[in-house]
Amino acid sequence: MAGWSINDIAVRMGIAKSTAFAWVRHVPSDPASARAQQRRELARQRIADRWDRFREERERHQAGVRAVAAAAVGGVSERDVLLLGAIAYRCANGRARTDRFVFVSDDPGPLLLVLRFLRLHGYDPGDLTYRVSVRSAADAEAAVDWWARVLSIPRECFRKAAVRKRVPSGDRHGCLAVMAPRSRELCWRAEGVVRAVVGEASSAYRDRLDDR
Protein backbone atom coordinates (compact mmCIF):
# COMPACT_ATOMS: atom_id res chain seq x y z
CA MET A 1 0.00 0.00 0.00
CA ALA A 2 2.99 2.29 -0.47
CA GLY A 3 1.86 5.69 -1.67
CA TRP A 4 -1.79 5.09 -0.79
CA SER A 5 -3.77 7.92 0.77
CA ILE A 6 -5.47 7.69 4.17
CA ASN A 7 -8.82 7.55 2.39
CA ASP A 8 -7.64 4.72 0.10
CA ILE A 9 -6.47 2.65 3.05
CA ALA A 10 -9.66 3.27 5.02
CA VAL A 11 -11.83 2.17 2.10
CA ARG A 12 -9.68 -0.86 1.32
CA MET A 13 -9.59 -2.03 4.94
CA GLY A 14 -13.15 -1.06 5.80
CA ILE A 15 -12.13 1.16 8.71
CA ALA A 16 -12.57 4.80 9.70
CA LYS A 17 -10.13 7.33 8.29
CA SER A 18 -9.09 8.27 11.82
CA THR A 19 -8.15 4.65 12.47
CA ALA A 20 -6.23 4.43 9.21
CA PHE A 21 -4.37 7.62 10.13
CA ALA A 22 -3.46 6.21 13.54
CA TRP A 23 -2.03 3.11 11.85
CA VAL A 24 0.22 4.92 9.38
CA ARG A 25 1.00 8.31 10.89
CA HIS A 26 4.51 7.17 11.80
CA VAL A 27 5.19 5.97 8.23
CA PRO A 28 6.81 8.63 6.01
CA SER A 29 5.00 9.25 2.74
CA ASP A 30 6.70 8.51 -0.56
CA PRO A 31 5.75 11.19 -3.12
CA ALA A 32 7.69 9.32 -5.81
CA SER A 33 5.69 6.10 -5.52
CA ALA A 34 3.57 4.97 -8.46
CA ARG A 35 0.40 5.29 -6.38
CA ALA A 36 1.21 8.88 -5.36
CA GLN A 37 1.99 9.83 -8.94
CA GLN A 38 -1.26 8.23 -10.07
CA ARG A 39 -3.21 10.29 -7.54
CA ARG A 40 -1.53 13.50 -8.66
CA GLU A 41 -2.23 12.74 -12.30
CA LEU A 42 -5.86 11.97 -11.49
CA ALA A 43 -6.18 15.27 -9.60
CA ARG A 44 -4.64 17.17 -12.53
CA GLN A 45 -7.02 15.48 -14.95
CA ARG A 46 -10.05 16.35 -12.83
CA ILE A 47 -8.98 20.00 -12.70
CA ALA A 48 -8.37 20.01 -16.47
CA ASP A 49 -11.81 18.49 -17.09
CA ARG A 50 -13.48 21.14 -14.93
CA TRP A 51 -11.68 23.92 -16.80
CA ASP A 52 -12.60 22.36 -20.16
CA ARG A 53 -16.28 22.37 -19.18
CA PHE A 54 -16.00 25.95 -17.92
CA ARG A 55 -14.34 27.13 -21.14
CA GLU A 56 -16.93 25.39 -23.31
CA GLU A 57 -19.77 26.99 -21.36
CA ARG A 58 -18.09 30.40 -21.49
CA GLU A 59 -17.53 30.12 -25.25
CA ARG A 60 -21.18 29.19 -25.83
CA HIS A 61 -22.31 32.14 -23.73
CA GLN A 62 -19.86 34.44 -25.50
CA ALA A 63 -21.10 33.33 -28.93
CA GLY A 64 -24.69 33.94 -27.86
CA VAL A 65 -23.97 37.44 -26.56
CA ARG A 66 -22.11 38.34 -29.76
CA ALA A 67 -24.93 37.01 -31.94
CA VAL A 68 -27.55 39.06 -30.09
CA ALA A 69 -25.41 42.20 -30.29
CA ALA A 70 -24.73 41.70 -34.01
CA ALA A 71 -28.43 41.15 -34.74
CA ALA A 72 -29.27 44.41 -32.98
CA VAL A 73 -27.08 46.40 -35.39
CA GLY A 74 -29.07 45.60 -38.51
CA GLY A 75 -27.90 47.53 -41.55
CA VAL A 76 -25.09 50.09 -41.60
CA SER A 77 -25.72 53.29 -43.55
CA GLU A 78 -23.16 55.54 -45.21
CA ARG A 79 -23.67 58.00 -42.37
CA ASP A 80 -22.83 55.24 -39.90
CA VAL A 81 -19.63 54.51 -41.80
CA LEU A 82 -18.66 58.20 -41.78
CA LEU A 83 -19.14 58.35 -38.01
CA LEU A 84 -17.47 55.03 -37.24
CA GLY A 85 -14.54 55.69 -39.56
CA ALA A 86 -13.81 59.06 -37.95
CA ILE A 87 -14.01 57.55 -34.47
CA ALA A 88 -11.78 54.61 -35.46
CA TYR A 89 -9.20 57.05 -36.84
CA ARG A 90 -9.28 59.16 -33.68
CA CYS A 91 -8.98 56.12 -31.42
CA ALA A 92 -6.00 54.82 -33.41
CA ASN A 93 -4.16 58.14 -33.40
CA GLY A 94 -5.13 59.54 -30.01
CA ARG A 95 -4.93 63.30 -29.69
CA ALA A 96 -1.83 63.63 -31.83
CA ARG A 97 -2.28 66.36 -34.41
CA THR A 98 -1.49 65.28 -37.93
CA ASP A 99 -1.87 66.72 -41.40
CA ARG A 100 -1.97 63.32 -43.06
CA PHE A 101 -4.52 60.56 -42.62
CA VAL A 102 -2.71 57.42 -41.47
CA PHE A 103 -4.45 54.38 -40.02
CA VAL A 104 -2.53 51.36 -38.71
CA SER A 105 -4.01 48.06 -37.56
CA ASP A 106 -3.27 44.35 -37.46
CA ASP A 107 -6.98 43.54 -37.82
CA PRO A 108 -8.55 43.45 -41.31
CA GLY A 109 -11.97 44.38 -39.92
CA PRO A 110 -11.22 47.98 -38.86
CA LEU A 111 -9.09 48.42 -41.97
CA LEU A 112 -12.02 47.48 -44.21
CA LEU A 113 -14.18 49.98 -42.32
CA VAL A 114 -11.58 52.71 -42.82
CA LEU A 115 -11.19 51.86 -46.51
CA ARG A 116 -14.95 52.26 -46.93
CA PHE A 117 -14.77 55.52 -44.96
CA LEU A 118 -12.06 56.81 -47.29
CA ARG A 119 -14.03 55.71 -50.34
CA LEU A 120 -16.96 57.83 -49.16
CA HIS A 121 -14.55 60.77 -48.96
CA GLY A 122 -13.51 60.27 -52.57
CA TYR A 123 -10.41 58.09 -52.21
CA ASP A 124 -10.24 55.06 -54.50
CA PRO A 125 -8.07 52.11 -53.40
CA GLY A 126 -5.45 53.09 -55.97
CA ASP A 127 -5.17 56.60 -54.49
CA LEU A 128 -3.93 55.28 -51.16
CA THR A 129 -0.54 54.08 -49.99
CA TYR A 130 -0.19 50.76 -48.17
CA ARG A 131 2.74 49.52 -46.16
CA VAL A 132 3.06 46.31 -44.17
CA SER A 133 5.28 46.10 -41.09
CA VAL A 134 6.42 42.66 -39.96
CA ARG A 135 8.83 41.22 -37.46
CA SER A 136 12.26 40.25 -38.71
CA ALA A 137 11.45 36.55 -38.35
CA ALA A 138 8.37 36.77 -40.61
CA ASP A 139 8.11 36.32 -44.38
CA ALA A 140 7.61 39.92 -45.52
CA GLU A 141 6.52 39.10 -49.08
CA ALA A 142 4.01 36.51 -47.88
CA ALA A 143 2.60 39.05 -45.43
CA VAL A 144 2.08 41.61 -48.20
CA ASP A 145 0.41 38.94 -50.37
CA TRP A 146 -1.92 38.08 -47.49
CA TRP A 147 -3.02 41.68 -46.89
CA ALA A 148 -3.51 42.28 -50.62
CA ARG A 149 -5.73 39.21 -50.85
CA VAL A 150 -7.75 39.82 -47.67
CA LEU A 151 -8.46 43.48 -48.46
CA SER A 152 -8.80 42.97 -52.25
CA ILE A 153 -6.11 45.57 -52.98
CA PRO A 154 -3.86 45.29 -56.05
CA ARG A 155 -0.45 43.97 -55.05
CA GLU A 156 1.33 46.78 -56.90
CA CYS A 157 -0.28 49.37 -54.59
CA PHE A 158 1.89 48.21 -51.69
CA ARG A 159 5.22 49.71 -50.79
CA LYS A 160 8.10 47.48 -49.83
CA ALA A 161 7.37 45.91 -46.45
CA ALA A 162 9.08 47.36 -43.39
CA VAL A 163 10.93 44.74 -41.36
CA ARG A 164 11.26 45.75 -37.72
CA LYS A 165 12.36 44.21 -34.46
CA ARG A 166 9.08 45.24 -32.87
CA VAL A 167 5.68 45.73 -34.46
CA PRO A 168 2.24 46.12 -32.81
CA SER A 169 1.35 42.54 -33.74
CA GLY A 170 3.42 39.43 -33.20
CA ASP A 171 1.39 37.65 -35.91
CA ARG A 172 3.22 36.57 -39.06
CA HIS A 173 1.04 38.93 -41.11
CA GLY A 174 2.22 41.95 -39.10
CA CYS A 175 0.23 45.16 -39.36
CA LEU A 176 -0.81 47.40 -42.22
CA ALA A 177 -0.60 51.18 -42.51
CA VAL A 178 -3.04 52.91 -44.86
CA MET A 179 -2.07 56.46 -45.84
CA ALA A 180 -4.22 58.96 -47.72
CA PRO A 181 -2.49 61.73 -49.72
CA ARG A 182 -3.59 65.35 -49.52
CA SER A 183 -5.67 64.50 -46.48
CA ARG A 184 -5.20 67.49 -44.19
CA GLU A 185 -8.82 68.56 -44.60
CA LEU A 186 -9.99 64.98 -44.10
CA CYS A 187 -8.20 64.90 -40.73
CA TRP A 188 -9.99 68.11 -39.78
CA ARG A 189 -13.32 66.62 -40.80
CA ALA A 190 -12.69 63.49 -38.76
CA GLU A 191 -11.79 65.63 -35.76
CA GLY A 192 -14.97 67.66 -36.20
CA VAL A 193 -17.12 64.53 -36.42
CA VAL A 194 -15.59 63.08 -33.26
CA ARG A 195 -16.08 66.35 -31.39
CA ALA A 196 -19.74 66.42 -32.41
CA VAL A 197 -20.34 62.79 -31.39
CA VAL A 198 -18.56 63.24 -28.06
CA GLY A 199 -20.41 66.49 -27.44
CA GLU A 200 -23.81 64.93 -28.09
CA ALA A 201 -23.02 61.90 -25.95
CA SER A 202 -21.66 64.05 -23.12
CA SER A 203 -24.71 66.31 -23.20
CA ALA A 204 -27.10 63.35 -23.09
CA TYR A 205 -25.13 61.82 -20.23
CA ARG A 206 -25.24 65.02 -18.18
CA ASP A 207 -28.98 65.40 -18.86
CA ARG A 208 -29.56 61.91 -17.49
CA LEU A 209 -27.59 62.76 -14.36
CA ASP A 210 -29.61 65.95 -13.86
CA ASP A 211 -32.87 64.00 -14.10
CA ARG A 212 -31.99 61.80 -11.15
Foldseek 3Di string as FASTA:
>chain_A
DAQDDLVVVCVVVVHDSVVSCVVCVVPDHDCPDPNNVVVVVVVVVVVVVVVVVVVVVVVVVVVVVVVVVVVVVPDADLVNLLLVLLVQQCVQVPPDDDQWRKHKDADVVNVLSNQSNVVVVPDDLLQKEKEFEAEPVADQVVLLVVVCVVNVHDSVRYDRYHYDNDAPDNDNNGMMMIIHPSCRVVNVVSVVSVVVVVVVVVVVVVVVVVVD
